[in-house]
Amino acid sequence: MSRYRGPRLRVVRRLGELPGLSRKTPRRAYPPGQHGQARKKRSEYAAQLEEKQKLRFNYGLSERQLLRYVRKARRAGGSTGQTLLQLLEMRLDNTIFRLGMAPTIPAARQLVNHGHVLVNGRVVSIASYQCRPGDVIQSRNRDASRKLIETHMQFPGLANIPTHLEFDKNTLTGKVNGVIEREWIALEINELLVVEYYSRKG
């Protein structure tokens, strides 16, 4: 299944707040559709599926990509759920979003795809690039790139920059100092349910 390009607020209403997908908040607090207001008891599988969908839509991943990240997190050892979240948070598009250079993750992905961003002095146009401690992320030295990022910075998606990142607004340069800690992950998610969901799949 390819990346979602439909109405974002519809997804937010169904799954709850997704800071990476949209900065808007829906007027109605219940899910869309004629049965949106009816309270139904959810099965264990439904709860696991919902948490998995939150990850997919917030980080803008296809099902195949998310499955690849889950397998990578399993191989890494330690807490699979926490490792999975760290892998997703250290993607280049998400790092740009967390630095405040873009209002949402899709906007950050567009910056990367169009070659507006340098990593360690080189243009990187792959949104899924895994950032590592020590990486320096900056605007390309073009007026168009700087202007676009400066416009985005007037409407940041999240107020605070996590402790593993630092950002200089004057030079539009960010640095990755480490791996994100669990409490700085903005998405409200129960990652254990996601791991359980994929353990059923084998």
Protein backbone atom coordinates (compact mmCIF):
# COMPACT_ATOMS: atom_id res chain seq x y z
CA MET A 1 0.00 0.00 0.00
CA SER A 2 1.46 3.36 -1.02
CA ARG A 3 1.78 6.45 1.16
CA TYR A 4 -1.47 8.07 2.27
CA ARG A 5 -2.45 11.19 0.29
CA GLY A 6 -6.08 11.56 1.35
CA PRO A 7 -7.78 13.94 3.83
CA ARG A 8 -5.56 14.21 6.90
CA LEU A 9 -8.13 15.46 9.41
CA ARG A 10 -10.24 12.37 8.74
CA VAL A 11 -7.32 10.24 9.94
CA VAL A 12 -6.71 12.51 12.95
CA ARG A 13 -10.37 12.17 13.97
CA ARG A 14 -10.14 8.40 13.75
CA LEU A 15 -6.77 7.85 15.45
CA GLY A 16 -6.30 10.91 17.68
CA GLU A 17 -3.64 13.61 17.53
CA LEU A 18 -0.86 12.93 15.00
CA PRO A 19 1.62 15.84 15.26
CA GLY A 20 3.69 14.63 12.32
CA LEU A 21 0.75 14.40 9.91
CA SER A 22 -1.18 17.64 10.53
CA ARG A 23 -1.04 20.77 12.68
CA LYS A 24 -4.80 21.24 12.42
CA THR A 25 -7.23 20.00 15.06
CA PRO A 26 -10.61 18.63 14.01
CA ARG A 27 -13.80 20.42 15.08
CA ARG A 28 -15.46 17.12 15.97
CA ALA A 29 -13.87 14.93 18.62
CA TYR A 30 -15.42 11.65 17.44
CA PRO A 31 -14.37 9.44 14.50
CA PRO A 32 -15.82 10.12 11.01
CA GLY A 33 -18.66 8.15 9.45
CA GLN A 34 -22.22 7.38 10.51
CA HIS A 35 -21.05 5.10 13.33
CA GLY A 36 -18.42 7.53 14.61
CA GLN A 37 -20.33 8.50 17.75
CA ALA A 38 -21.45 4.98 18.64
CA ARG A 39 -19.23 3.60 21.40
CA LYS A 40 -18.24 0.07 20.64
CA LYS A 41 -16.15 -2.22 22.77
CA ARG A 42 -12.88 -2.74 20.92
CA SER A 43 -11.18 -6.09 20.61
CA GLU A 44 -7.53 -6.56 21.51
CA TYR A 45 -6.70 -6.86 17.80
CA ALA A 46 -8.53 -3.56 17.04
CA ALA A 47 -6.45 -1.77 19.70
CA GLN A 48 -3.21 -3.19 18.25
CA LEU A 49 -4.24 -2.25 14.70
CA GLU A 50 -5.08 1.31 15.77
CA GLU A 51 -1.65 1.82 17.40
CA LYS A 52 0.06 0.42 14.31
CA GLN A 53 -1.94 2.80 12.08
CA LYS A 54 -0.94 5.74 14.30
CA LEU A 55 2.73 4.98 13.62
CA ARG A 56 2.12 4.53 9.90
CA PHE A 57 0.20 7.76 9.38
CA ASN A 58 2.26 9.93 11.74
CA TYR A 59 5.60 9.01 10.14
CA GLY A 60 4.18 8.66 6.60
CA LEU A 61 5.18 5.05 6.00
CA SER A 62 3.82 2.32 3.80
CA GLU A 63 2.93 -1.02 5.42
CA ARG A 64 6.00 -2.63 3.88
CA GLN A 65 8.32 0.09 5.23
CA LEU A 66 6.92 -0.21 8.76
CA LEU A 67 7.30 -4.00 8.69
CA ARG A 68 10.95 -3.52 7.63
CA TYR A 69 11.53 -1.19 10.60
CA VAL A 70 9.91 -3.69 13.01
CA ARG A 71 12.20 -6.48 11.77
CA LYS A 72 15.24 -4.20 12.09
CA ALA A 73 14.22 -3.27 15.67
CA ARG A 74 13.84 -6.97 16.56
CA ARG A 75 17.35 -7.74 15.30
CA ALA A 76 18.84 -4.83 17.27
CA GLY A 77 18.06 -6.49 20.62
CA GLY A 78 16.78 -4.76 23.76
CA SER A 79 13.26 -3.32 23.85
CA THR A 80 11.83 -3.80 20.34
CA GLY A 81 9.15 -1.13 20.83
CA GLN A 82 11.58 1.54 22.02
CA THR A 83 14.13 0.71 19.32
CA LEU A 84 11.38 0.93 16.69
CA LEU A 85 10.38 4.42 17.86
CA GLN A 86 14.03 5.53 17.90
CA LEU A 87 14.57 4.27 14.34
CA LEU A 88 11.50 6.20 13.13
CA GLU A 89 12.45 9.36 15.04
CA MET A 90 15.97 9.32 13.58
CA ARG A 91 14.71 9.39 9.97
CA LEU A 92 15.86 12.53 8.16
CA ASP A 93 12.34 13.80 7.39
CA ASN A 94 11.31 13.46 11.04
CA THR A 95 14.55 15.07 12.29
CA ILE A 96 13.92 18.10 10.06
CA PHE A 97 10.37 18.30 11.43
CA ARG A 98 11.62 18.10 15.04
CA LEU A 99 14.21 20.83 14.38
CA GLY A 100 11.33 23.13 13.36
CA MET A 101 12.46 23.46 9.74
CA ALA A 102 9.07 22.13 8.53
CA PRO A 103 5.54 22.24 10.02
CA THR A 104 4.76 18.55 9.35
CA ILE A 105 6.63 15.39 8.32
CA PRO A 106 5.14 15.44 4.76
CA ALA A 107 6.44 19.04 4.39
CA ALA A 108 9.86 17.92 5.67
CA ARG A 109 9.86 15.04 3.18
CA GLN A 110 9.19 17.49 0.38
CA LEU A 111 12.16 19.64 1.48
CA VAL A 112 14.39 16.56 1.36
CA ASN A 113 13.05 15.21 -1.95
CA HIS A 114 13.54 18.57 -3.66
CA GLY A 115 17.17 18.82 -2.54
CA HIS A 116 16.84 21.77 -0.12
CA VAL A 117 18.75 20.04 2.71
CA LEU A 118 22.41 19.18 3.28
CA VAL A 119 23.62 16.45 5.65
CA ASN A 120 27.31 16.82 6.54
CA GLY A 121 27.74 19.21 3.59
CA ARG A 122 26.14 16.94 0.98
CA VAL A 123 22.67 17.05 -0.58
CA VAL A 124 20.63 14.09 0.70
CA SER A 125 17.33 13.57 -1.11
CA ILE A 126 16.27 10.36 0.67
CA ALA A 127 13.69 11.05 3.40
CA SER A 128 14.31 7.70 5.12
CA TYR A 129 18.05 8.43 5.64
CA GLN A 130 18.93 7.36 9.21
CA CYS A 131 20.51 10.27 11.09
CA ARG A 132 23.37 9.41 13.42
CA PRO A 133 24.91 11.27 16.36
CA GLY A 134 27.29 13.88 14.95
CA ASP A 135 25.30 14.54 11.75
CA VAL A 136 24.98 18.22 10.79
CA ILE A 137 21.77 19.14 8.95
CA GLN A 138 21.51 22.52 7.25
CA SER A 139 19.74 24.47 4.56
CA ARG A 140 21.31 24.37 1.13
CA ASN A 141 23.10 27.63 0.32
CA ARG A 142 20.46 28.84 -2.10
CA ASP A 143 18.07 31.72 -1.59
CA ALA A 144 15.07 29.57 -2.51
CA SER A 145 16.00 26.89 0.05
CA ARG A 146 16.65 29.38 2.86
CA LYS A 147 13.47 31.33 2.14
CA LEU A 148 11.35 28.16 2.15
CA ILE A 149 12.77 26.95 5.48
CA GLU A 150 12.46 30.42 7.06
CA THR A 151 8.78 30.50 6.02
CA HIS A 152 8.23 27.05 7.55
CA MET A 153 9.92 28.14 10.79
CA GLN A 154 7.25 30.79 11.37
CA PHE A 155 4.71 27.97 11.85
CA PRO A 156 6.57 25.13 13.62
CA GLY A 157 4.71 21.89 14.19
CA LEU A 158 5.96 21.42 17.77
CA ALA A 159 7.09 24.05 20.29
CA ASN A 160 10.16 22.34 21.80
CA ILE A 161 13.24 20.82 20.21
CA PRO A 162 14.17 17.45 21.81
CA THR A 163 17.34 17.27 23.91
CA HIS A 164 19.21 15.07 21.39
CA LEU A 165 19.08 17.90 18.81
CA GLU A 166 20.37 21.46 18.70
CA PHE A 167 19.50 24.17 16.17
CA ASP A 168 20.96 27.54 15.21
CA LYS A 169 18.21 29.71 13.71
CA ASN A 170 20.68 32.25 12.28
CA THR A 171 22.60 29.76 10.15
CA LEU A 172 19.66 27.31 9.76
CA THR A 173 21.93 24.52 10.99
CA GLY A 174 20.93 21.62 13.20
CA LYS A 175 23.05 18.96 14.85
CA VAL A 176 22.21 15.46 16.07
CA ASN A 177 23.92 14.94 19.43
CA GLY A 178 22.54 11.53 20.33
CA VAL A 179 19.54 9.21 20.11
CA ILE A 180 16.13 10.48 21.19
CA GLU A 181 14.86 9.51 24.65
CA ARG A 182 11.40 7.97 25.02
CA GLU A 183 9.84 10.93 26.89
CA TRP A 184 10.63 13.29 23.99
CA ILE A 185 8.58 11.32 21.47
CA ALA A 186 5.60 13.58 20.73
CA LEU A 187 3.22 10.89 19.50
CA GLU A 188 0.97 9.30 22.12
CA ILE A 189 1.52 5.65 21.35
CA ASN A 190 1.66 2.28 23.08
CA GLU A 191 4.51 0.72 21.12
CA LEU A 192 4.06 -2.67 22.84
CA LEU A 193 0.73 -3.10 21.05
CA VAL A 194 2.48 -2.47 17.71
CA VAL A 195 5.08 -5.14 18.51
CA GLU A 196 2.27 -7.54 19.52
CA TYR A 197 0.43 -6.80 16.27
CA TYR A 198 3.48 -7.78 14.20
CA SER A 199 4.29 -10.81 16.36
CA ARG A 200 0.95 -12.27 15.16
CA LYS A 201 2.10 -11.75 11.59
CA GLY A 202 5.25 -13.74 12.25
